[in-house]
Amino acid sequence: MSAHDRTPCALCMSRRALLRGSAAGALVIAIGPAGCGGGATPPSGPIPAGNLTDVAVGTIKVIPGQNVILGRDQGGLYAMSQVCTHAGQLVGVVSATGDPAAGIFCAAHGSAFDGNGAVTHGPAGAPLPHYAVDLAADGSITIQGAQIVAADVRTPAVG
């Protein structure tokens, strides 16, 4: 165990990261727990993720209790892990309206990601993994948590 693993969470964040994240911090903390111990588990199987009618184009949202983020852009539906690639904490969507341009933030250590999961600020060094998304004829969405895909893969979504 490194000294970093034993450091209290309030000391893990630099002052700059704390100030930068303060506006979004309350929302991120409300969405998922943060801490220095890690322990969040990435998805590993089929995850029911609602209906297409509930996912507007140009939004991202956390699927509660599933450690996954679902997004929809002009190309279709996509999904990525909610588990930060730095230390295994849950990340949160910064915008209350789900605007992907606001990005994704990890309150534990200050890592930031764009709306497609690419790292925009470390310490995370790897993007959030993406998962296959299935769309049924009735509009139900299933995220395949065991099937990693490239970050540019989209499931066409008309409706």
Protein backbone atom coordinates (compact mmCIF):
# COMPACT_ATOMS: atom_id res chain seq x y z
CA MET A 1 0.00 0.00 0.00
CA SER A 2 1.47 3.37 -0.99
CA ALA A 3 1.38 6.52 1.14
CA HIS A 4 -1.17 7.90 -1.35
CA ASP A 5 -3.59 5.07 -0.54
CA ARG A 6 -3.49 6.06 3.13
CA THR A 7 -3.98 9.79 2.52
CA PRO A 8 -7.38 11.18 3.59
CA CYS A 9 -9.49 12.24 0.61
CA ALA A 10 -9.51 15.93 1.51
CA LEU A 11 -5.74 15.91 1.19
CA CYS A 12 -5.71 13.94 -2.08
CA MET A 13 -7.10 16.81 -4.12
CA SER A 14 -4.88 19.73 -4.88
CA ARG A 15 -6.24 23.13 -3.96
CA ARG A 16 -6.57 23.97 -7.67
CA ALA A 17 -8.59 20.80 -8.38
CA LEU A 18 -10.80 21.49 -5.38
CA LEU A 19 -11.50 25.05 -6.53
CA ARG A 20 -12.00 24.01 -10.16
CA GLY A 21 -14.44 21.31 -9.13
CA SER A 22 -16.31 23.24 -6.45
CA ALA A 23 -19.09 24.37 -8.79
CA ALA A 24 -19.65 20.85 -10.08
CA GLY A 25 -18.56 19.11 -6.91
CA ALA A 26 -21.95 19.07 -5.20
CA LEU A 27 -23.59 17.53 -8.27
CA VAL A 28 -20.82 14.97 -8.74
CA ILE A 29 -20.86 13.94 -5.09
CA ALA A 30 -24.64 13.59 -5.21
CA ILE A 31 -24.35 11.29 -8.22
CA GLY A 32 -21.76 8.93 -6.77
CA PRO A 33 -19.48 8.47 -3.79
CA ALA A 34 -15.90 9.63 -3.90
CA GLY A 35 -12.92 8.62 -1.83
CA CYS A 36 -9.37 7.44 -2.02
CA GLY A 37 -10.00 3.74 -1.49
CA GLY A 38 -11.29 2.80 -4.93
CA GLY A 39 -13.61 -0.14 -5.06
CA ALA A 40 -16.25 0.78 -7.66
CA THR A 41 -16.85 -2.12 -10.03
CA PRO A 42 -17.17 -1.57 -13.79
CA PRO A 43 -20.23 -3.14 -15.40
CA SER A 44 -19.86 -6.77 -16.46
CA GLY A 45 -23.12 -7.92 -18.00
CA PRO A 46 -26.34 -6.77 -19.65
CA ILE A 47 -27.68 -3.58 -18.09
CA PRO A 48 -31.22 -2.35 -18.73
CA ALA A 49 -30.89 1.37 -19.46
CA GLY A 50 -34.41 2.63 -20.05
CA ASN A 51 -36.09 3.62 -23.27
CA LEU A 52 -34.90 5.65 -26.24
CA THR A 53 -37.70 8.18 -25.65
CA ASP A 54 -36.01 9.13 -22.35
CA VAL A 55 -32.61 9.91 -23.90
CA ALA A 56 -32.47 13.19 -25.80
CA VAL A 57 -29.91 13.78 -28.55
CA GLY A 58 -26.97 15.73 -27.12
CA THR A 59 -27.15 14.35 -23.57
CA ILE A 60 -25.29 12.00 -21.24
CA LYS A 61 -26.62 10.52 -18.01
CA VAL A 62 -25.61 8.13 -15.28
CA ILE A 63 -27.65 4.92 -15.11
CA PRO A 64 -28.31 4.75 -11.34
CA GLY A 65 -26.76 1.81 -9.51
CA GLN A 66 -25.08 0.41 -12.63
CA ASN A 67 -21.72 2.28 -12.76
CA VAL A 68 -22.31 3.22 -16.38
CA ILE A 69 -23.00 6.41 -18.34
CA LEU A 70 -25.32 6.44 -21.36
CA GLY A 71 -25.03 9.08 -24.07
CA ARG A 72 -26.78 10.00 -27.27
CA ASP A 73 -25.37 12.18 -30.01
CA GLN A 74 -26.14 12.70 -33.71
CA GLY A 75 -24.55 9.30 -34.45
CA GLY A 76 -26.68 7.38 -31.95
CA LEU A 77 -26.35 5.79 -28.52
CA TYR A 78 -23.11 5.06 -26.69
CA ALA A 79 -22.18 3.89 -23.19
CA MET A 80 -19.07 4.13 -21.05
CA SER A 81 -17.89 3.15 -17.60
CA GLN A 82 -18.65 5.46 -14.68
CA VAL A 83 -15.52 4.14 -12.91
CA CYS A 84 -12.54 6.52 -13.08
CA THR A 85 -9.51 4.95 -14.72
CA HIS A 86 -7.19 6.56 -12.16
CA ALA A 87 -8.26 5.09 -8.82
CA GLY A 88 -11.58 3.35 -9.35
CA GLN A 89 -13.91 6.01 -7.96
CA LEU A 90 -17.24 6.86 -9.55
CA VAL A 91 -17.25 9.88 -11.83
CA GLY A 92 -20.22 12.15 -12.34
CA VAL A 93 -21.78 14.08 -15.17
CA VAL A 94 -21.02 17.76 -14.55
CA SER A 95 -24.12 19.28 -16.15
CA ALA A 96 -27.47 18.89 -14.38
CA THR A 97 -29.08 18.84 -17.85
CA GLY A 98 -26.69 16.19 -19.16
CA ASP A 99 -24.86 18.48 -21.57
CA PRO A 100 -21.83 16.43 -22.69
CA ALA A 101 -19.87 19.63 -23.41
CA ALA A 102 -19.67 20.20 -19.63
CA GLY A 103 -17.87 16.87 -19.32
CA ILE A 104 -17.40 14.27 -16.62
CA PHE A 105 -15.52 14.84 -13.36
CA CYS A 106 -13.99 12.65 -10.66
CA ALA A 107 -14.22 14.43 -7.32
CA ALA A 108 -11.75 12.04 -5.67
CA HIS A 109 -8.58 13.31 -7.36
CA GLY A 110 -9.67 15.87 -9.95
CA SER A 111 -9.56 13.85 -13.16
CA ALA A 112 -11.79 15.23 -15.90
CA PHE A 113 -13.12 13.65 -19.08
CA ASP A 114 -14.98 15.03 -22.08
CA GLY A 115 -18.52 13.89 -22.91
CA ASN A 116 -17.11 10.91 -24.82
CA GLY A 117 -14.87 9.75 -21.96
CA ALA A 118 -11.49 11.07 -23.23
CA VAL A 119 -9.18 12.42 -20.50
CA THR A 120 -9.04 16.22 -20.44
CA HIS A 121 -7.21 16.53 -17.11
CA GLY A 122 -5.26 13.97 -15.07
CA PRO A 123 -4.26 12.20 -12.98
CA ALA A 124 -6.28 9.68 -15.01
CA GLY A 125 -4.14 8.53 -17.92
CA ALA A 126 -6.68 6.42 -19.81
CA PRO A 127 -10.12 7.20 -21.23
CA LEU A 128 -13.32 5.69 -19.84
CA PRO A 129 -13.98 2.34 -21.56
CA HIS A 130 -16.98 2.17 -23.90
CA TYR A 131 -19.52 -0.66 -24.09
CA ALA A 132 -21.80 -2.01 -26.82
CA VAL A 133 -25.38 -0.75 -26.73
CA ASP A 134 -28.36 -2.71 -28.05
CA LEU A 135 -31.62 -1.02 -29.04
CA ALA A 136 -34.76 -3.17 -29.28
CA ALA A 137 -37.65 -2.50 -31.67
CA ASP A 138 -39.75 -1.18 -28.75
CA GLY A 139 -37.03 1.37 -27.88
CA SER A 140 -35.61 -0.44 -24.85
CA ILE A 141 -31.90 0.05 -24.37
CA THR A 142 -29.50 -2.60 -23.07
CA ILE A 143 -25.85 -1.85 -22.38
CA GLN A 144 -23.56 -4.85 -22.83
CA GLY A 145 -21.15 -4.26 -19.93
CA ALA A 146 -18.97 -7.22 -20.89
CA GLN A 147 -18.45 -6.05 -24.48
CA ILE A 148 -15.91 -3.23 -24.83
CA VAL A 149 -16.02 -1.26 -28.08
CA ALA A 150 -14.09 1.66 -29.55
CA ALA A 151 -15.04 5.13 -28.30
CA ASP A 152 -16.45 6.13 -31.69
CA VAL A 153 -18.90 3.20 -31.93
CA ARG A 154 -22.56 4.27 -31.92
CA THR A 155 -25.82 2.35 -32.09
CA PRO A 156 -28.07 4.16 -34.58
CA ALA A 157 -31.11 5.58 -32.79
CA VAL A 158 -34.05 6.96 -34.73
CA GLY A 159 -36.95 8.35 -32.77
